[in-house]
Protein backbone atom coordinates (compact mmCIF):
# COMPACT_ATOMS: atom_id res chain seq x y z
CA UNK A 1 0.00 0.00 0.00
CA UNK A 2 1.20 3.47 -0.78
CA UNK A 3 0.30 4.63 2.72
CA UNK A 4 2.13 1.79 4.41
CA UNK A 5 -0.99 0.95 6.41
CA UNK A 6 -1.71 -2.71 7.21
CA UNK A 7 -3.76 -4.24 4.41
CA UNK A 8 -6.47 -5.29 6.87
CA UNK A 9 -7.13 -1.60 7.60
CA UNK A 10 -6.54 0.12 4.29
CA UNK A 11 -8.36 -0.24 0.98
CA UNK A 12 -7.11 1.39 -2.18
CA UNK A 13 -9.80 3.59 -3.61
CA UNK A 14 -11.56 1.87 -6.51
CA UNK A 15 -14.46 4.31 -6.74
CA UNK A 16 -15.38 7.64 -5.18
CA UNK A 17 -16.56 7.53 -1.60
CA UNK A 18 -20.27 7.18 -0.97
CA UNK A 19 -22.08 10.35 -1.95
CA UNK A 20 -22.90 12.69 0.88
CA UNK A 21 -25.51 15.42 0.85
CA UNK A 22 -23.25 18.46 1.03
CA UNK A 23 -22.58 20.55 -2.10
CA UNK A 24 -18.95 19.38 -2.22
CA UNK A 25 -17.49 16.48 -4.16
CA UNK A 26 -13.88 15.65 -3.38
CA UNK A 27 -12.24 12.36 -4.35
CA UNK A 28 -10.15 11.05 -1.44
CA UNK A 29 -6.75 9.48 -1.96
CA UNK A 30 -7.92 6.40 -0.07
CA UNK A 31 -10.75 5.08 2.06
CA UNK A 32 -9.93 3.12 5.20
CA UNK A 33 -12.46 1.16 7.21
CA UNK A 34 -11.08 0.40 10.68
CA UNK A 35 -12.90 -2.14 12.80
CA UNK A 36 -11.44 -1.50 16.24
CA UNK A 37 -10.07 1.22 18.47
CA UNK A 38 -6.60 -0.30 18.11
CA UNK A 39 -6.81 0.19 14.35
CA UNK A 40 -7.83 3.81 14.87
CA UNK A 41 -4.73 4.31 17.01
CA UNK A 42 -2.61 2.68 14.27
CA UNK A 43 -4.05 5.19 11.82
CA UNK A 44 -3.19 8.07 14.14
CA UNK A 45 0.36 6.79 14.57
CA UNK A 46 0.79 6.38 10.81
CA UNK A 47 -0.58 9.87 10.09
CA UNK A 48 1.67 11.44 12.72
CA UNK A 49 4.77 9.71 11.37
CA UNK A 50 4.06 10.24 7.67
CA UNK A 51 2.31 13.63 7.86
CA UNK A 52 -0.91 11.99 6.74
CA UNK A 53 -4.31 13.63 7.01
CA UNK A 54 -7.47 11.83 8.14
CA UNK A 55 -11.14 12.81 7.83
CA UNK A 56 -13.93 10.84 9.49
CA UNK A 57 -17.13 9.92 7.70
CA UNK A 58 -20.17 8.24 9.21
CA UNK A 59 -23.38 8.31 7.21
CA UNK A 60 -22.32 11.23 4.99
CA UNK A 61 -25.40 13.23 6.01
CA UNK A 62 -23.62 16.42 7.08
CA UNK A 63 -24.66 19.51 5.15
CA UNK A 64 -21.55 21.69 5.26
CA UNK A 65 -18.83 19.44 3.82
CA UNK A 66 -17.53 18.05 7.11
CA UNK A 67 -16.96 14.57 5.62
CA UNK A 68 -15.11 15.57 2.41
CA UNK A 69 -11.34 15.41 1.91
CA UNK A 70 -8.71 14.87 -0.80
CA UNK A 71 -6.71 12.88 1.75
CA UNK A 72 -7.65 9.70 3.64
CA UNK A 73 -11.31 9.16 4.50
CA UNK A 74 -11.93 7.04 7.60
CA UNK A 75 -15.28 5.38 6.89
CA UNK A 76 -17.04 4.33 10.10
CA UNK A 77 -20.35 3.22 8.64
CA UNK A 78 -19.56 -0.51 8.92
CA UNK A 79 -18.13 -0.75 12.43
CA UNK A 80 -18.48 0.54 16.00
CA UNK A 81 -22.19 -0.29 15.85
CA UNK A 82 -22.77 -1.62 19.38
CA UNK A 83 -25.86 -0.46 21.30
CA UNK A 84 -26.56 -1.06 25.00
CA UNK A 85 -29.78 0.22 26.56
CA UNK A 86 -29.32 1.24 30.20
CA UNK A 87 -31.69 1.93 33.10
CA UNK A 88 -34.82 0.79 31.26
CA UNK A 89 -34.09 3.20 28.43
CA UNK A 90 -33.26 6.29 30.50
CA UNK A 91 -29.74 6.13 29.05
CA UNK A 92 -28.07 4.41 26.12
CA UNK A 93 -24.46 3.53 25.33
CA UNK A 94 -23.69 3.33 21.61
CA UNK A 95 -20.79 3.07 19.21
CA UNK A 96 -19.88 5.72 16.67
CA UNK A 97 -21.17 3.71 13.71
CA UNK A 98 -24.65 2.95 15.09
CA UNK A 99 -27.33 4.93 13.28
CA UNK A 100 -29.89 7.16 14.92
CA UNK A 101 -32.67 4.90 13.61
CA UNK A 102 -31.04 1.77 15.07
CA UNK A 103 -30.64 3.36 18.49
CA UNK A 104 -34.17 4.74 18.49
CA UNK A 105 -35.55 1.35 17.45
CA UNK A 106 -33.95 -0.22 20.53
CA UNK A 107 -35.22 2.59 22.75
CA UNK A 108 -38.78 2.62 21.39
CA UNK A 109 -39.80 -0.46 23.37
CA UNK A 110 -38.99 1.57 26.50
CA UNK A 111 -40.94 4.61 25.31
CA UNK A 112 -37.73 6.61 24.83
CA UNK A 113 -35.61 8.04 22.01
CA UNK A 114 -32.50 10.17 21.51
CA UNK A 115 -32.96 13.93 21.65
CA UNK A 116 -31.91 14.86 18.07
CA UNK A 117 -34.55 14.33 15.38
CA UNK A 118 -33.69 14.24 11.68
CA UNK A 119 -34.95 12.82 8.42
CA UNK A 120 -31.59 11.17 7.74
CA UNK A 121 -31.95 8.93 10.82
CA UNK A 122 -31.37 5.75 8.81
CA UNK A 123 -27.86 6.88 7.81
CA UNK A 124 -26.88 9.52 10.39
CA UNK A 125 -24.48 7.88 12.86
CA UNK A 126 -24.02 8.48 16.55
CA UNK A 127 -20.47 9.65 15.86
CA UNK A 128 -21.82 12.17 13.38
CA UNK A 129 -24.41 13.41 15.87
CA UNK A 130 -21.65 14.11 18.38
CA UNK A 131 -19.38 15.67 15.76
CA UNK A 132 -22.03 18.20 14.71
CA UNK A 133 -23.81 18.63 18.08
CA UNK A 134 -26.94 17.54 16.25
CA UNK A 135 -30.43 18.74 17.00
CA UNK A 136 -32.46 18.06 13.87
CA UNK A 137 -35.25 20.08 12.23
CA UNK A 138 -37.49 20.52 15.27
CA UNK A 139 -35.66 20.12 18.58
CA UNK A 140 -37.22 20.93 21.92
CA UNK A 141 -35.30 22.62 24.69
CA UNK A 142 -32.68 20.27 26.10
CA UNK A 143 -32.58 18.08 22.99
CA UNK A 144 -29.38 19.43 21.44
CA UNK A 145 -26.97 16.52 21.70
CA UNK A 146 -24.67 18.29 24.15
CA UNK A 147 -27.61 18.64 26.56
CA UNK A 148 -27.96 14.85 26.80
CA UNK A 149 -24.27 13.90 26.85
CA UNK A 150 -23.10 11.82 29.80
CA UNK A 151 -19.88 10.00 28.87
CA UNK A 152 -17.53 9.51 25.93
CA UNK A 153 -14.71 7.21 24.90
CA UNK A 154 -12.41 9.23 22.66
CA UNK A 155 -9.18 8.31 20.88
CA UNK A 156 -7.02 11.43 20.85
CA UNK A 157 -4.58 12.16 18.00
CA UNK A 158 -1.66 11.78 20.43
CA UNK A 159 -2.61 8.14 21.02
CA UNK A 160 -4.18 8.72 24.43
CA UNK A 161 -7.64 7.36 25.26
CA UNK A 162 -10.11 9.54 27.16
CA UNK A 163 -12.78 7.39 28.83
CA UNK A 164 -14.89 9.61 31.04
CA UNK A 165 -16.63 6.59 32.58
CA UNK A 166 -13.48 5.75 34.52
CA UNK A 167 -13.26 7.05 38.07
CA UNK A 168 -9.60 7.87 37.51
CA UNK A 169 -10.15 9.57 34.13
CA UNK A 170 -8.56 12.81 35.38
CA UNK A 171 -5.38 11.11 36.58
CA UNK A 172 -5.22 8.98 33.44
CA UNK A 173 -5.46 12.00 31.14
CA UNK A 174 -2.78 13.87 33.09
CA UNK A 175 -0.45 10.90 32.68
CA UNK A 176 -1.17 10.05 29.03
CA UNK A 177 -1.62 13.54 27.56
CA UNK A 178 -0.17 16.20 29.89
CA UNK A 179 0.15 18.61 26.94
CA UNK A 180 -3.63 18.56 26.51
CA UNK A 181 -4.34 19.06 30.21
CA UNK A 182 -1.95 21.99 30.55
CA UNK A 183 -3.15 23.52 27.29
CA UNK A 184 -6.80 23.46 28.36
CA UNK A 185 -6.01 25.07 31.72
CA UNK A 186 -3.94 27.76 30.00
CA UNK A 187 -6.74 28.52 27.54
CA UNK A 188 -9.27 28.68 30.37
CA UNK A 189 -7.11 31.27 32.13
CA UNK A 190 -6.92 33.26 28.90
CA UNK A 191 -10.71 33.35 28.60
CA UNK A 192 -11.24 34.42 32.21
CA UNK A 193 -10.50 38.05 31.45
CA UNK A 194 -13.85 39.84 31.96
CA UNK A 195 -14.14 41.27 28.44
CA UNK A 196 -13.19 37.94 26.85
CA UNK A 197 -15.60 36.01 29.06
CA UNK A 198 -18.39 38.41 28.10
CA UNK A 199 -17.68 37.90 24.40
CA UNK A 200 -17.72 34.11 24.76
CA UNK A 201 -21.06 34.26 26.56
CA UNK A 202 -22.49 36.58 23.92
CA UNK A 203 -21.36 34.36 21.05
CA UNK A 204 -23.03 31.26 22.47
CA UNK A 205 -26.16 32.88 23.91
CA UNK A 206 -27.84 32.14 20.56
CA UNK A 207 -27.71 28.96 18.46
CA UNK A 208 -24.13 28.84 17.18
CA UNK A 209 -22.31 25.83 15.75
CA UNK A 210 -19.44 27.80 14.23
CA UNK A 211 -16.02 26.74 15.45
CA UNK A 212 -15.27 25.10 18.77
CA UNK A 213 -17.65 25.71 21.65
CA UNK A 214 -15.00 27.35 23.82
CA UNK A 215 -17.63 28.17 26.44
CA UNK A 216 -16.81 24.66 27.70
CA UNK A 217 -13.51 26.02 29.01
CA UNK A 218 -15.43 28.39 31.27
CA UNK A 219 -18.32 26.07 32.13
CA UNK A 220 -16.14 23.31 33.63
CA UNK A 221 -13.23 23.19 36.06
CA UNK A 222 -12.00 19.71 35.17
CA UNK A 223 -9.81 19.22 32.07
CA UNK A 224 -11.67 15.95 31.43
CA UNK A 225 -15.02 17.77 31.34
CA UNK A 226 -13.55 20.56 29.22
CA UNK A 227 -12.22 18.03 26.72
CA UNK A 228 -15.47 16.05 26.67
CA UNK A 229 -17.58 19.09 25.86
CA UNK A 230 -15.11 20.56 23.36
CA UNK A 231 -15.23 17.28 21.42
CA UNK A 232 -18.99 17.76 20.90
CA UNK A 233 -19.48 19.81 17.74
CA UNK A 234 -15.78 19.67 16.79
CA UNK A 235 -16.64 18.00 13.45
CA UNK A 236 -14.09 15.22 13.82
CA UNK A 237 -11.11 17.57 14.09
CA UNK A 238 -10.08 16.94 17.72
CA UNK A 239 -10.38 13.17 18.13
CA UNK A 240 -12.35 10.04 17.34
CA UNK A 241 -15.47 9.46 19.44
CA UNK A 242 -15.62 5.66 19.60
CA UNK A 243 -18.46 5.33 22.12
CA UNK A 244 -20.88 7.64 23.85
CA UNK A 245 -23.40 7.43 26.69
CA UNK A 246 -26.45 9.65 26.24
CA UNK A 247 -29.50 10.43 28.31
CA UNK A 248 -32.71 9.85 26.39
CA UNK A 249 -36.00 11.75 26.14
CA UNK A 250 -39.62 10.53 26.17
CA UNK A 251 -40.97 9.16 22.90
CA UNK A 252 -43.65 11.58 21.71
CA UNK A 253 -45.26 12.21 18.30
CA UNK A 254 -43.12 14.38 16.07
CA UNK A 255 -43.85 16.30 12.86
CA UNK A 256 -43.79 14.04 9.82
CA UNK A 257 -41.07 14.81 7.25
CA UNK A 258 -43.61 15.86 4.63
CA UNK A 259 -45.09 18.40 7.07
CA UNK A 260 -41.70 20.05 7.47
CA UNK A 261 -40.95 19.89 3.76
CA UNK A 262 -43.83 22.10 2.64
CA UNK A 263 -42.01 25.47 2.41
CA UNK A 264 -39.52 24.01 -0.07
CA UNK A 265 -41.77 21.91 -2.29
CA UNK A 266 -41.87 24.46 -5.10
CA UNK A 267 -38.12 25.06 -4.88
CA UNK A 268 -37.59 21.37 -5.64
CA UNK A 269 -39.12 21.97 -9.07
CA UNK A 270 -36.44 24.47 -10.10
CA UNK A 271 -33.80 23.88 -12.74
CA UNK A 272 -30.74 21.92 -11.61
CA UNK A 273 -28.11 23.80 -9.63
CA UNK A 274 -26.26 23.80 -6.33
CA UNK A 275 -28.68 23.76 -3.42
CA UNK A 276 -27.11 25.91 -0.71
CA UNK A 277 -28.68 25.98 2.74
CA UNK A 278 -28.42 29.20 4.70
CA UNK A 279 -28.65 28.65 8.45
CA UNK A 280 -28.14 31.74 10.59
CA UNK A 281 -29.18 32.89 14.05
CA UNK A 282 -29.53 36.36 15.56
CA UNK A 283 -30.90 37.67 18.86
CA UNK A 284 -34.68 37.34 18.79
CA UNK A 285 -35.11 41.12 18.84
CA UNK A 286 -33.16 41.42 15.58
CA UNK A 287 -35.06 38.83 13.53
CA UNK A 288 -37.31 41.18 11.56
CA UNK A 289 -34.56 43.65 10.71
CA UNK A 290 -32.18 40.86 9.70
CA UNK A 291 -34.76 39.16 7.47
CA UNK A 292 -35.46 42.49 5.77
CA UNK A 293 -31.74 42.93 5.19
CA UNK A 294 -31.39 39.43 3.77
CA UNK A 295 -34.23 40.03 1.35
CA UNK A 296 -32.50 43.19 0.21
CA UNK A 297 -29.24 41.34 -0.38
CA UNK A 298 -30.98 38.61 -2.36
CA UNK A 299 -32.41 41.29 -4.63
CA UNK A 300 -29.10 43.15 -4.84
CA UNK A 301 -27.22 40.05 -5.95
CA UNK A 302 -30.04 38.62 -8.12
CA UNK A 303 -30.68 35.47 -6.09
CA UNK A 304 -34.09 34.14 -5.12
CA UNK A 305 -35.54 31.82 -2.51
CA UNK A 306 -39.03 30.44 -2.00
CA UNK A 307 -39.22 31.69 1.57
CA UNK A 308 -37.24 32.53 4.67
CA UNK A 309 -38.05 30.43 7.74
CA UNK A 310 -37.64 31.93 11.22
CA UNK A 311 -38.06 30.60 14.75
CA UNK A 312 -38.62 32.34 18.09
CA UNK A 313 -35.06 31.62 19.24
CA UNK A 314 -33.62 33.59 16.33
CA UNK A 315 -32.86 30.92 13.71
CA UNK A 316 -33.17 32.02 10.08
CA UNK A 317 -33.11 29.49 7.25
CA UNK A 318 -33.61 29.45 3.53
CA UNK A 319 -32.36 27.52 0.51
CA UNK A 320 -30.81 28.87 -2.68
CA UNK A 321 -30.43 27.08 -5.99
CA UNK A 322 -27.32 28.60 -7.54
CA UNK A 323 -25.39 27.56 -10.65
CA UNK A 324 -21.87 27.67 -9.23
CA UNK A 325 -20.53 25.88 -12.31
CA UNK A 326 -20.78 29.30 -13.97
CA UNK A 327 -17.77 31.53 -13.21
CA UNK A 328 -19.75 34.78 -13.28
CA UNK A 329 -22.38 33.39 -10.90
CA UNK A 330 -19.63 32.15 -8.61
CA UNK A 331 -18.16 35.65 -8.39
CA UNK A 332 -21.63 37.05 -7.70
CA UNK A 333 -22.15 34.48 -4.97
CA UNK A 334 -18.87 35.44 -3.30
CA UNK A 335 -19.98 39.08 -3.18
CA UNK A 336 -23.35 37.99 -1.80
CA UNK A 337 -21.66 35.85 0.85
CA UNK A 338 -19.45 38.69 2.05
CA UNK A 339 -22.47 41.01 2.34
CA UNK A 340 -24.50 38.39 4.21
CA UNK A 341 -21.64 37.74 6.64
CA UNK A 342 -21.39 41.48 7.34
CA UNK A 343 -25.16 41.74 7.88
CA UNK A 344 -25.38 38.81 10.30
CA UNK A 345 -22.38 39.99 12.28
CA UNK A 346 -23.76 43.56 12.43
CA UNK A 347 -26.78 42.14 14.24
CA UNK A 348 -24.65 40.09 16.64
CA UNK A 349 -25.59 36.82 14.98
CA UNK A 350 -24.03 33.46 14.18
CA UNK A 351 -23.24 32.33 10.65
CA UNK A 352 -24.23 28.73 11.38
CA UNK A 353 -27.05 28.04 13.82
CA UNK A 354 -27.20 24.25 13.55
CA UNK A 355 -25.51 22.92 10.38
CA UNK A 356 -21.92 23.24 11.61
CA UNK A 357 -18.92 24.98 10.08
CA UNK A 358 -17.45 22.56 7.55
CA UNK A 359 -15.90 23.63 4.29
CA UNK A 360 -18.95 25.77 3.60
CA UNK A 361 -18.19 28.25 6.39
CA UNK A 362 -14.60 27.69 7.54
CA UNK A 363 -13.33 30.76 5.62
CA UNK A 364 -15.55 32.93 7.84
CA UNK A 365 -14.35 31.84 11.27
CA UNK A 366 -12.42 35.06 11.79
CA UNK A 367 -15.48 37.10 10.80
CA UNK A 368 -17.55 35.23 13.37
CA UNK A 369 -15.22 35.34 16.34
CA UNK A 370 -12.71 38.15 15.88
CA UNK A 371 -8.95 37.95 16.36
CA UNK A 372 -8.76 36.82 19.98
CA UNK A 373 -11.33 34.02 20.01
CA UNK A 374 -10.21 32.85 16.57
CA UNK A 375 -6.68 32.49 17.94
CA UNK A 376 -8.04 30.62 20.97
CA UNK A 377 -9.74 28.18 18.60
CA UNK A 378 -6.50 27.65 16.72
CA UNK A 379 -4.86 26.89 20.06
CA UNK A 380 -7.65 24.44 20.93
CA UNK A 381 -6.92 22.57 17.71
CA UNK A 382 -3.16 22.50 18.32
CA UNK A 383 -3.66 21.43 21.94
CA UNK A 384 -5.70 18.37 20.95
CA UNK A 385 -3.97 17.64 17.64
CA UNK A 386 -0.37 18.91 17.70
CA UNK A 387 0.52 17.09 14.46
CA UNK A 388 -2.60 18.49 12.74
CA UNK A 389 -3.64 15.11 11.34
CA UNK A 390 -7.44 15.40 11.63
CA UNK A 391 -9.95 17.15 9.39
CA UNK A 392 -7.80 19.51 7.30
CA UNK A 393 -9.80 22.47 6.00
CA UNK A 394 -13.02 21.42 7.68
CA UNK A 395 -13.12 23.87 10.54
CA UNK A 396 -9.94 25.92 10.22
CA UNK A 397 -8.55 26.97 6.85
CA UNK A 398 -6.20 29.52 5.34
CA UNK A 399 -8.03 29.36 2.00
CA UNK A 400 -10.61 32.18 1.75
CA UNK A 401 -12.34 30.45 -1.18
CA UNK A 402 -12.79 26.97 0.29
CA UNK A 403 -16.57 27.41 0.22
CA UNK A 404 -16.61 27.68 -3.58
CA UNK A 405 -13.99 25.06 -4.44
CA UNK A 406 -14.47 21.36 -5.15
CA UNK A 407 -18.21 21.66 -5.70
CA UNK A 408 -20.01 18.73 -7.23
CA UNK A 409 -21.68 19.39 -10.60
CA UNK A 410 -24.96 21.24 -10.17
CA UNK A 411 -27.41 18.99 -8.39
CA UNK A 412 -30.93 18.26 -9.53
CA UNK A 413 -34.14 18.67 -7.64
CA UNK A 414 -34.02 15.05 -6.43
CA UNK A 415 -31.54 15.97 -3.70
CA UNK A 416 -33.81 18.63 -2.25
CA UNK A 417 -36.66 16.15 -2.28
CA UNK A 418 -34.54 13.73 -0.22
CA UNK A 419 -33.56 16.47 2.21
CA UNK A 420 -36.97 18.09 2.54
CA UNK A 421 -37.47 17.66 6.25
CA UNK A 422 -33.95 18.79 7.05
CA UNK A 423 -34.70 22.13 5.43
CA UNK A 424 -38.02 22.62 7.12
CA UNK A 425 -38.93 25.08 9.86
CA UNK A 426 -37.66 24.60 13.38
CA UNK A 427 -40.83 25.18 15.40
CA UNK A 428 -41.55 28.18 13.19
CA UNK A 429 -43.33 29.07 10.01
CA UNK A 430 -42.10 30.32 6.66
CA UNK A 431 -41.67 34.02 6.21
CA UNK A 432 -42.55 34.99 2.67
């Protein structure tokens, strides 16, 4: 093998990786399908020694390009699928490769389910839910994945294992990865300055899945707890979540996918193009003014949408069908994107409410967080992953045009039909 990986782990790429639902299409150099935590650690050791780059992929259902890479894809869809129901369904312990549907099927007999709800439940994996801090199209309060997290088993890029179920997890982490422990404590001290603390609290007072949730450094005193909560929503760039223990929620009727799809039915009939999903959040008091500004920018840049969906907690969503195969349209889209970023930031908003950063938004991390917090996030990455082997370009990038590179050919309406419920309103109604 060109990589030097054991043949039982590595497979030479014979065809492109399974299609995801993001607008990006990147052919990886290889796909590897590890079957054990030991094999994951072998991958980490190989990547560290040979300057390799690894990107995790579960079900491929992420919307912002988190599972795309020209390097090695680590496909987890065939392994780590164990499920153990605990306490008569009050909790569940599951492997990274188990799907949301599989876990919920086991929990249903106890009248319970996982908090996140999504139309892609048959392919979305538990590892992916953790990586994106999933909520789904219509979450109730307390149903964001981080709100139900109890324990994790994480393989860190340095080769250490963080198992928060162990009573001596703190001592173990200090012995196996002292660089991580000291780095987290140093970053916490940096954020404790009053003005910096205030900015962190402001950033995450609204739905915000941009970057690393550095509020975890202030919310917890223990490096183990800091690490556990930073891993959630890190999009596979800080470590590999092999197993997770989650608290469950009562099984209640939920909106059917076709009910949530309604605002986008007519958009699905448009000519083929790239379907781009806008997913912002602003303080609730700024919703009306922000929506008016977005409508103005759509007119200014000659883009259209069937409707803008808003929710009481400040989320704003709409879908665009844009022909980014056309160079002139691509330039127009870049101008539109810069104007939209400026508008959302002017209203104190977040550029990604729930869909995560990914390649789609990584060029705008500095716009979102400013110099100081952006530098803190770079330090978070280096603290967990000093050799920078995980998720290149997915959350941090030096390429300002990542969001318009490596796009798949313009997609047809069939994709939007498959995604309908993921685009639907989050406890809100369309705004025409």
